[in-house]
Amino acid sequence: MLILVAILLVVMFFMSSRTRKQQREAAEFRNNLTVGTKVMTASGMIGTVIDVDDETDQVTIESFPGSPTTWLRAAISKKIEEPLADDADSDEATDESEVTTEGETASTISPDTKDVPDDLSELDTAKREYQEQQRRDAEADGK
């Protein structure tokens, strides 16, 4: 019984110390807010800091140009990181636009037209076979 209580106290200590550390980091972030930082409030509003009033602990956020709102500093929950341009997307775009000397695209994929059906009846043979089997079963049950 004593061991169980000791384990419980140790777990509670580690959980509370982690919570205190997170609260300390959040408070430090709020105290170091600067103009131009993109933030999110606790209620989910995203905007850019346009003014910080240290005397009243208020932060003015502009979510849409020309629509500033004033928030308590404690209502700011986190900084929003701007997504970086993905270099892989730009590389793919340049690869697609490359042209060989004969005027053909640089793609190594060639269309295989002999496997393309002429009509839609050949596309879903499994479904059609299943429906035919159901029809046969229904006819056999009815006779």
N, C-alpha and C. Protein backbone atom coordinates (compact mmCIF):
# COMPACT_ATOMS: atom_id res chain seq x y z
N MET A 1 0.83 -1.20 0.00
CA MET A 1 0.00 0.00 0.00
C MET A 1 0.87 1.26 0.00
N LEU A 2 1.93 1.22 0.79
CA LEU A 2 2.83 2.36 0.90
C LEU A 2 3.56 2.60 -0.42
N ILE A 3 3.91 1.52 -1.13
CA ILE A 3 4.59 1.65 -2.41
C ILE A 3 3.66 2.29 -3.44
N LEU A 4 2.41 1.91 -3.42
CA LEU A 4 1.42 2.47 -4.34
C LEU A 4 1.26 3.98 -4.12
N VAL A 5 1.22 4.40 -2.88
CA VAL A 5 1.09 5.83 -2.56
C VAL A 5 2.35 6.58 -3.01
N ALA A 6 3.52 5.99 -2.82
CA ALA A 6 4.78 6.62 -3.23
C ALA A 6 4.83 6.77 -4.74
N ILE A 7 4.42 5.74 -5.47
CA ILE A 7 4.41 5.82 -6.94
C ILE A 7 3.43 6.90 -7.39
N LEU A 8 2.29 6.97 -6.78
CA LEU A 8 1.28 7.98 -7.12
C LEU A 8 1.82 9.39 -6.89
N LEU A 9 2.52 9.61 -5.78
CA LEU A 9 3.10 10.93 -5.49
C LEU A 9 4.18 11.30 -6.51
N VAL A 10 5.00 10.34 -6.92
CA VAL A 10 6.05 10.61 -7.90
C VAL A 10 5.43 10.98 -9.24
N VAL A 11 4.41 10.25 -9.66
CA VAL A 11 3.73 10.55 -10.93
C VAL A 11 3.09 11.93 -10.87
N MET A 12 2.45 12.28 -9.78
CA MET A 12 1.82 13.60 -9.64
C MET A 12 2.88 14.70 -9.69
N PHE A 13 4.04 14.47 -9.09
CA PHE A 13 5.11 15.46 -9.10
C PHE A 13 5.59 15.72 -10.52
N PHE A 14 5.84 14.64 -11.28
CA PHE A 14 6.32 14.82 -12.65
C PHE A 14 5.28 15.49 -13.54
N MET A 15 4.00 15.15 -13.35
CA MET A 15 2.94 15.78 -14.14
C MET A 15 2.82 17.26 -13.82
N SER A 16 2.91 17.61 -12.56
CA SER A 16 2.78 19.02 -12.19
C SER A 16 4.00 19.82 -12.62
N SER A 17 5.19 19.21 -12.58
CA SER A 17 6.37 19.95 -13.01
C SER A 17 6.33 20.20 -14.52
N ARG A 18 5.83 19.24 -15.28
CA ARG A 18 5.70 19.44 -16.73
C ARG A 18 4.67 20.54 -17.03
N THR A 19 3.57 20.54 -16.29
CA THR A 19 2.55 21.58 -16.47
C THR A 19 3.10 22.95 -16.12
N ARG A 20 3.85 23.05 -15.04
CA ARG A 20 4.46 24.33 -14.66
C ARG A 20 5.43 24.81 -15.73
N LYS A 21 6.20 23.89 -16.30
CA LYS A 21 7.14 24.26 -17.35
C LYS A 21 6.40 24.80 -18.57
N GLN A 22 5.30 24.14 -18.98
CA GLN A 22 4.52 24.61 -20.12
C GLN A 22 3.91 25.98 -19.84
N GLN A 23 3.40 26.19 -18.62
CA GLN A 23 2.83 27.48 -18.26
C GLN A 23 3.89 28.58 -18.27
N ARG A 24 5.08 28.25 -17.80
CA ARG A 24 6.18 29.22 -17.80
C ARG A 24 6.56 29.61 -19.23
N GLU A 25 6.65 28.62 -20.12
CA GLU A 25 6.98 28.91 -21.52
C GLU A 25 5.90 29.75 -22.20
N ALA A 26 4.63 29.46 -21.90
CA ALA A 26 3.53 30.23 -22.49
C ALA A 26 3.56 31.68 -21.99
N ALA A 27 3.82 31.87 -20.70
CA ALA A 27 3.89 33.22 -20.14
C ALA A 27 5.06 33.99 -20.74
N GLU A 28 6.19 33.31 -20.93
CA GLU A 28 7.35 33.96 -21.54
C GLU A 28 7.04 34.38 -22.98
N PHE A 29 6.34 33.50 -23.72
CA PHE A 29 5.96 33.83 -25.09
C PHE A 29 5.06 35.07 -25.12
N ARG A 30 4.05 35.10 -24.23
CA ARG A 30 3.13 36.24 -24.20
C ARG A 30 3.84 37.54 -23.82
N ASN A 31 4.80 37.46 -22.91
CA ASN A 31 5.52 38.66 -22.49
C ASN A 31 6.46 39.19 -23.56
N ASN A 32 6.86 38.35 -24.50
CA ASN A 32 7.78 38.75 -25.55
C ASN A 32 7.10 38.95 -26.90
N LEU A 33 5.80 39.19 -26.90
CA LEU A 33 5.08 39.42 -28.16
C LEU A 33 5.60 40.70 -28.82
N THR A 34 5.78 40.63 -30.13
CA THR A 34 6.23 41.79 -30.87
C THR A 34 5.27 42.07 -32.02
N VAL A 35 5.30 43.29 -32.50
CA VAL A 35 4.45 43.69 -33.62
C VAL A 35 4.88 42.90 -34.86
N GLY A 36 3.88 42.38 -35.58
CA GLY A 36 4.16 41.63 -36.80
C GLY A 36 4.13 40.12 -36.60
N THR A 37 4.00 39.66 -35.36
CA THR A 37 3.95 38.22 -35.09
C THR A 37 2.55 37.71 -35.39
N LYS A 38 2.46 36.60 -36.10
CA LYS A 38 1.17 35.99 -36.38
C LYS A 38 0.84 35.04 -35.23
N VAL A 39 -0.32 35.24 -34.58
CA VAL A 39 -0.68 34.49 -33.39
C VAL A 39 -2.10 33.94 -33.50
N MET A 40 -2.41 33.01 -32.58
CA MET A 40 -3.77 32.49 -32.45
C MET A 40 -4.22 32.69 -31.01
N THR A 41 -5.45 33.13 -30.85
CA THR A 41 -6.00 33.32 -29.51
C THR A 41 -6.53 31.99 -28.99
N ALA A 42 -6.86 31.95 -27.71
CA ALA A 42 -7.40 30.74 -27.10
C ALA A 42 -8.73 30.34 -27.73
N SER A 43 -9.46 31.30 -28.28
CA SER A 43 -10.74 30.99 -28.91
C SER A 43 -10.59 30.60 -30.38
N GLY A 44 -9.38 30.67 -30.91
CA GLY A 44 -9.13 30.22 -32.27
C GLY A 44 -9.00 31.30 -33.32
N MET A 45 -9.07 32.57 -32.92
CA MET A 45 -8.91 33.65 -33.90
C MET A 45 -7.44 33.81 -34.25
N ILE A 46 -7.18 33.89 -35.55
CA ILE A 46 -5.81 34.03 -36.03
C ILE A 46 -5.63 35.43 -36.60
N GLY A 47 -4.53 36.06 -36.23
CA GLY A 47 -4.27 37.40 -36.73
C GLY A 47 -2.83 37.80 -36.49
N THR A 48 -2.52 39.01 -36.90
CA THR A 48 -1.18 39.55 -36.75
C THR A 48 -1.19 40.63 -35.68
N VAL A 49 -0.21 40.61 -34.79
CA VAL A 49 -0.11 41.60 -33.73
C VAL A 49 0.26 42.94 -34.36
N ILE A 50 -0.57 43.97 -34.09
CA ILE A 50 -0.26 45.30 -34.61
C ILE A 50 0.09 46.28 -33.51
N ASP A 51 -0.24 45.92 -32.24
CA ASP A 51 0.10 46.81 -31.12
C ASP A 51 0.12 45.99 -29.83
N VAL A 52 1.08 46.30 -28.96
CA VAL A 52 1.18 45.66 -27.65
C VAL A 52 1.22 46.76 -26.61
N ASP A 53 0.25 46.77 -25.69
CA ASP A 53 0.18 47.77 -24.63
C ASP A 53 0.59 47.09 -23.33
N ASP A 54 1.81 47.36 -22.88
CA ASP A 54 2.33 46.71 -21.67
C ASP A 54 1.65 47.21 -20.41
N GLU A 55 1.16 48.44 -20.39
CA GLU A 55 0.53 49.00 -19.19
C GLU A 55 -0.78 48.30 -18.87
N THR A 56 -1.59 48.04 -19.89
CA THR A 56 -2.91 47.42 -19.66
C THR A 56 -2.93 45.93 -19.98
N ASP A 57 -1.79 45.36 -20.38
CA ASP A 57 -1.68 43.95 -20.77
C ASP A 57 -2.66 43.60 -21.89
N GLN A 58 -2.76 44.48 -22.86
CA GLN A 58 -3.64 44.25 -24.00
C GLN A 58 -2.83 44.17 -25.28
N VAL A 59 -3.32 43.34 -26.20
CA VAL A 59 -2.68 43.15 -27.49
C VAL A 59 -3.73 43.41 -28.56
N THR A 60 -3.38 44.22 -29.56
CA THR A 60 -4.29 44.48 -30.67
C THR A 60 -3.88 43.59 -31.83
N ILE A 61 -4.87 42.82 -32.31
CA ILE A 61 -4.64 41.86 -33.39
C ILE A 61 -5.49 42.25 -34.59
N GLU A 62 -4.90 42.11 -35.76
CA GLU A 62 -5.63 42.40 -37.00
C GLU A 62 -5.74 41.09 -37.77
N SER A 63 -6.97 40.56 -37.86
CA SER A 63 -7.15 39.30 -38.57
C SER A 63 -7.41 39.54 -40.05
N PHE A 64 -7.98 40.68 -40.36
CA PHE A 64 -8.26 41.08 -41.74
C PHE A 64 -7.86 42.55 -41.85
N PRO A 65 -7.20 42.97 -42.90
CA PRO A 65 -6.75 44.36 -42.99
C PRO A 65 -7.90 45.34 -42.71
N GLY A 66 -7.67 46.20 -41.75
CA GLY A 66 -8.66 47.22 -41.40
C GLY A 66 -9.63 46.79 -40.32
N SER A 67 -9.43 45.62 -39.71
CA SER A 67 -10.34 45.18 -38.65
C SER A 67 -9.55 44.76 -37.40
N PRO A 68 -9.02 45.74 -36.66
CA PRO A 68 -8.27 45.40 -35.45
C PRO A 68 -9.19 45.03 -34.30
N THR A 69 -8.76 44.09 -33.48
CA THR A 69 -9.48 43.71 -32.26
C THR A 69 -8.48 43.72 -31.11
N THR A 70 -8.96 44.06 -29.92
CA THR A 70 -8.10 44.14 -28.75
C THR A 70 -8.36 42.95 -27.85
N TRP A 71 -7.29 42.31 -27.42
CA TRP A 71 -7.38 41.11 -26.59
C TRP A 71 -6.49 41.28 -25.36
N LEU A 72 -6.85 40.60 -24.28
CA LEU A 72 -5.95 40.52 -23.14
C LEU A 72 -4.75 39.67 -23.54
N ARG A 73 -3.61 39.99 -23.01
CA ARG A 73 -2.40 39.26 -23.35
C ARG A 73 -2.54 37.78 -23.01
N ALA A 74 -3.26 37.46 -21.94
CA ALA A 74 -3.43 36.07 -21.51
C ALA A 74 -4.28 35.26 -22.50
N ALA A 75 -5.03 35.92 -23.38
CA ALA A 75 -5.87 35.21 -24.34
C ALA A 75 -5.08 34.72 -25.55
N ILE A 76 -3.85 35.16 -25.70
CA ILE A 76 -3.02 34.72 -26.82
C ILE A 76 -2.47 33.35 -26.46
N SER A 77 -2.77 32.33 -27.29
CA SER A 77 -2.35 30.98 -26.93
C SER A 77 -1.06 30.53 -27.61
N LYS A 78 -0.88 30.85 -28.89
CA LYS A 78 0.35 30.38 -29.52
C LYS A 78 0.69 31.19 -30.76
N LYS A 79 1.93 31.03 -31.18
CA LYS A 79 2.44 31.69 -32.38
C LYS A 79 2.14 30.78 -33.56
N ILE A 80 1.72 31.36 -34.66
CA ILE A 80 1.45 30.62 -35.88
C ILE A 80 2.66 30.75 -36.79
N GLU A 81 3.21 29.60 -37.16
CA GLU A 81 4.36 29.60 -38.05
C GLU A 81 3.87 29.64 -39.49
N GLU A 82 4.48 30.46 -40.30
CA GLU A 82 4.14 30.54 -41.72
C GLU A 82 4.69 29.31 -42.42
N PRO A 83 3.89 28.68 -43.29
CA PRO A 83 4.41 27.52 -44.01
C PRO A 83 5.50 27.93 -44.98
N LEU A 84 6.53 27.13 -45.04
CA LEU A 84 7.64 27.39 -45.94
C LEU A 84 7.29 26.88 -47.33
N ALA A 85 7.84 27.52 -48.34
CA ALA A 85 7.61 27.07 -49.71
C ALA A 85 8.25 25.70 -49.88
N ASP A 86 7.49 24.76 -50.40
CA ASP A 86 7.97 23.40 -50.57
C ASP A 86 8.79 23.31 -51.84
N ASP A 87 10.07 23.01 -51.70
CA ASP A 87 10.96 22.93 -52.86
C ASP A 87 10.59 21.78 -53.76
N ALA A 88 10.02 20.71 -53.23
CA ALA A 88 9.66 19.55 -54.05
C ALA A 88 8.59 19.93 -55.08
N ASP A 89 7.63 20.76 -54.68
CA ASP A 89 6.59 21.19 -55.61
C ASP A 89 7.18 21.98 -56.76
N SER A 90 8.12 22.87 -56.47
CA SER A 90 8.70 23.68 -57.53
C SER A 90 9.57 22.83 -58.45
N ASP A 91 10.22 21.78 -57.90
CA ASP A 91 11.01 20.89 -58.73
C ASP A 91 10.13 20.10 -59.69
N GLU A 92 8.97 19.64 -59.19
CA GLU A 92 8.06 18.90 -60.06
C GLU A 92 7.55 19.78 -61.18
N ALA A 93 7.27 21.03 -60.88
CA ALA A 93 6.75 21.93 -61.90
C ALA A 93 7.79 22.14 -63.00
N THR A 94 9.07 22.24 -62.64
CA THR A 94 10.08 22.44 -63.67
C THR A 94 10.30 21.16 -64.46
N ASP A 95 10.17 19.99 -63.80
CA ASP A 95 10.33 18.74 -64.52
C ASP A 95 9.24 18.55 -65.56
N GLU A 96 8.01 18.94 -65.25
CA GLU A 96 6.90 18.77 -66.17
C GLU A 96 7.04 19.69 -67.38
N SER A 97 7.70 20.81 -67.22
CA SER A 97 7.79 21.77 -68.31
C SER A 97 9.01 21.55 -69.21
N GLU A 98 9.88 20.61 -68.84
CA GLU A 98 11.05 20.35 -69.66
C GLU A 98 10.62 19.75 -71.00
N VAL A 99 11.30 20.15 -72.05
CA VAL A 99 10.96 19.68 -73.39
C VAL A 99 12.23 19.13 -74.03
N THR A 100 12.10 17.99 -74.72
CA THR A 100 13.26 17.42 -75.40
C THR A 100 13.49 18.15 -76.72
N THR A 101 14.56 17.77 -77.38
CA THR A 101 14.91 18.46 -78.63
C THR A 101 13.94 18.15 -79.75
N GLU A 102 13.24 16.99 -79.68
CA GLU A 102 12.28 16.68 -80.74
C GLU A 102 10.95 17.37 -80.53
N GLY A 103 10.80 18.10 -79.44
CA GLY A 103 9.55 18.81 -79.18
C GLY A 103 8.57 17.98 -78.35
N GLU A 104 9.00 16.82 -77.87
CA GLU A 104 8.14 15.99 -77.05
C GLU A 104 8.41 16.32 -75.59
N THR A 105 7.49 15.96 -74.72
CA THR A 105 7.72 16.19 -73.30
C THR A 105 8.74 15.19 -72.79
N ALA A 106 9.37 15.51 -71.68
CA ALA A 106 10.41 14.66 -71.12
C ALA A 106 9.85 13.52 -70.29
N SER A 107 8.56 13.33 -70.30
CA SER A 107 7.93 12.28 -69.53
C SER A 107 8.31 10.91 -70.06
N THR A 108 8.57 9.97 -69.17
CA THR A 108 8.91 8.61 -69.58
C THR A 108 7.67 7.73 -69.65
N ILE A 109 6.52 8.25 -69.28
CA ILE A 109 5.29 7.48 -69.31
C ILE A 109 4.64 7.64 -70.68
N SER A 110 4.39 6.52 -71.31
CA SER A 110 3.71 6.58 -72.61
C SER A 110 2.34 5.94 -72.45
N PRO A 111 1.32 6.51 -73.04
CA PRO A 111 -0.02 5.96 -72.89
C PRO A 111 -0.11 4.61 -73.59
N ASP A 112 -0.76 3.65 -72.93
CA ASP A 112 -0.95 2.32 -73.50
C ASP A 112 -2.40 2.22 -73.92
N THR A 113 -2.68 2.45 -75.17
CA THR A 113 -4.05 2.53 -75.66
C THR A 113 -4.67 1.17 -75.94
N LYS A 114 -3.90 0.09 -76.00
CA LYS A 114 -4.49 -1.20 -76.32
C LYS A 114 -5.27 -1.79 -75.14
N ASP A 115 -5.05 -1.32 -73.89
CA ASP A 115 -5.79 -1.83 -72.75
C ASP A 115 -7.01 -0.98 -72.41
N VAL A 116 -7.24 0.09 -73.15
CA VAL A 116 -8.37 0.96 -72.87
C VAL A 116 -9.60 0.41 -73.59
N PRO A 117 -10.70 0.15 -72.84
CA PRO A 117 -11.90 -0.41 -73.49
C PRO A 117 -12.58 0.62 -74.39
N ASP A 118 -13.30 0.11 -75.37
CA ASP A 118 -14.01 0.99 -76.29
C ASP A 118 -15.28 1.55 -75.67
N ASP A 119 -15.89 0.80 -74.75
CA ASP A 119 -17.11 1.29 -74.11
C ASP A 119 -17.04 0.97 -72.61
N LEU A 120 -18.04 1.44 -71.88
CA LEU A 120 -18.04 1.28 -70.43
C LEU A 120 -18.39 -0.12 -69.98
N SER A 121 -18.90 -0.96 -70.87
CA SER A 121 -19.32 -2.30 -70.46
C SER A 121 -18.14 -3.15 -69.99
N GLU A 122 -16.96 -2.88 -70.46
CA GLU A 122 -15.81 -3.68 -70.08
C GLU A 122 -15.13 -3.19 -68.80
N LEU A 123 -15.54 -2.05 -68.27
CA LEU A 123 -14.87 -1.49 -67.10
C LEU A 123 -15.22 -2.23 -65.82
N ASP A 124 -16.45 -2.61 -65.62
CA ASP A 124 -16.85 -3.16 -64.34
C ASP A 124 -17.42 -4.56 -64.53
N THR A 125 -16.60 -5.49 -64.94
CA THR A 125 -17.09 -6.85 -65.20
C THR A 125 -17.43 -7.58 -63.91
N ALA A 126 -16.71 -7.32 -62.84
CA ALA A 126 -16.98 -8.01 -61.57
C ALA A 126 -18.37 -7.65 -61.06
N LYS A 127 -18.74 -6.39 -61.15
CA LYS A 127 -20.05 -5.97 -60.67
C LYS A 127 -21.14 -6.59 -61.53
N ARG A 128 -20.93 -6.63 -62.84
CA ARG A 128 -21.91 -7.20 -63.75
C ARG A 128 -22.07 -8.70 -63.51
N GLU A 129 -20.96 -9.40 -63.29
CA GLU A 129 -21.02 -10.83 -63.00
C GLU A 129 -21.76 -11.08 -61.70
N TYR A 130 -21.53 -10.24 -60.69
CA TYR A 130 -22.23 -10.38 -59.42
C TYR A 130 -23.73 -10.18 -59.60
N GLN A 131 -24.12 -9.18 -60.38
CA GLN A 131 -25.54 -8.93 -60.62
C GLN A 131 -26.18 -10.08 -61.39
N GLU A 132 -25.46 -10.64 -62.37
CA GLU A 132 -25.98 -11.78 -63.11
C GLU A 132 -26.17 -13.00 -62.21
N GLN A 133 -25.21 -13.22 -61.30
CA GLN A 133 -25.33 -14.33 -60.36
C GLN A 133 -26.53 -14.15 -59.44
N GLN A 134 -26.75 -12.91 -58.98
CA GLN A 134 -27.92 -12.64 -58.14
C GLN A 134 -29.21 -12.90 -58.92
N ARG A 135 -29.26 -12.50 -60.19
CA ARG A 135 -30.44 -12.71 -61.02
C ARG A 135 -30.69 -14.21 -61.19
N ARG A 136 -29.64 -15.01 -61.44
CA ARG A 136 -29.77 -16.44 -61.60
C ARG A 136 -30.28 -17.08 -60.30
N ASP A 137 -29.74 -16.61 -59.17
CA ASP A 137 -30.18 -17.15 -57.89
C ASP A 137 -31.64 -16.82 -57.64
N ALA A 138 -32.05 -15.60 -58.00
CA ALA A 138 -33.45 -15.21 -57.80
C ALA A 138 -34.36 -16.03 -58.69
N GLU A 139 -33.95 -16.32 -59.93
CA GLU A 139 -34.75 -17.14 -60.85
C GLU A 139 -34.85 -18.58 -60.33
N ALA A 140 -33.73 -19.09 -59.79
CA ALA A 140 -33.74 -20.45 -59.27
C ALA A 140 -34.64 -20.57 -58.05
N ASP A 141 -34.68 -19.53 -57.21
CA ASP A 141 -35.55 -19.54 -56.03
C ASP A 141 -37.02 -19.42 -56.45
N GLY A 142 -37.29 -18.71 -57.53
CA GLY A 142 -38.67 -18.48 -57.98
C GLY A 142 -39.26 -19.68 -58.70
N LYS A 143 -38.46 -20.57 -59.26
CA LYS A 143 -38.98 -21.73 -60.02
C LYS A 143 -39.34 -22.87 -59.16
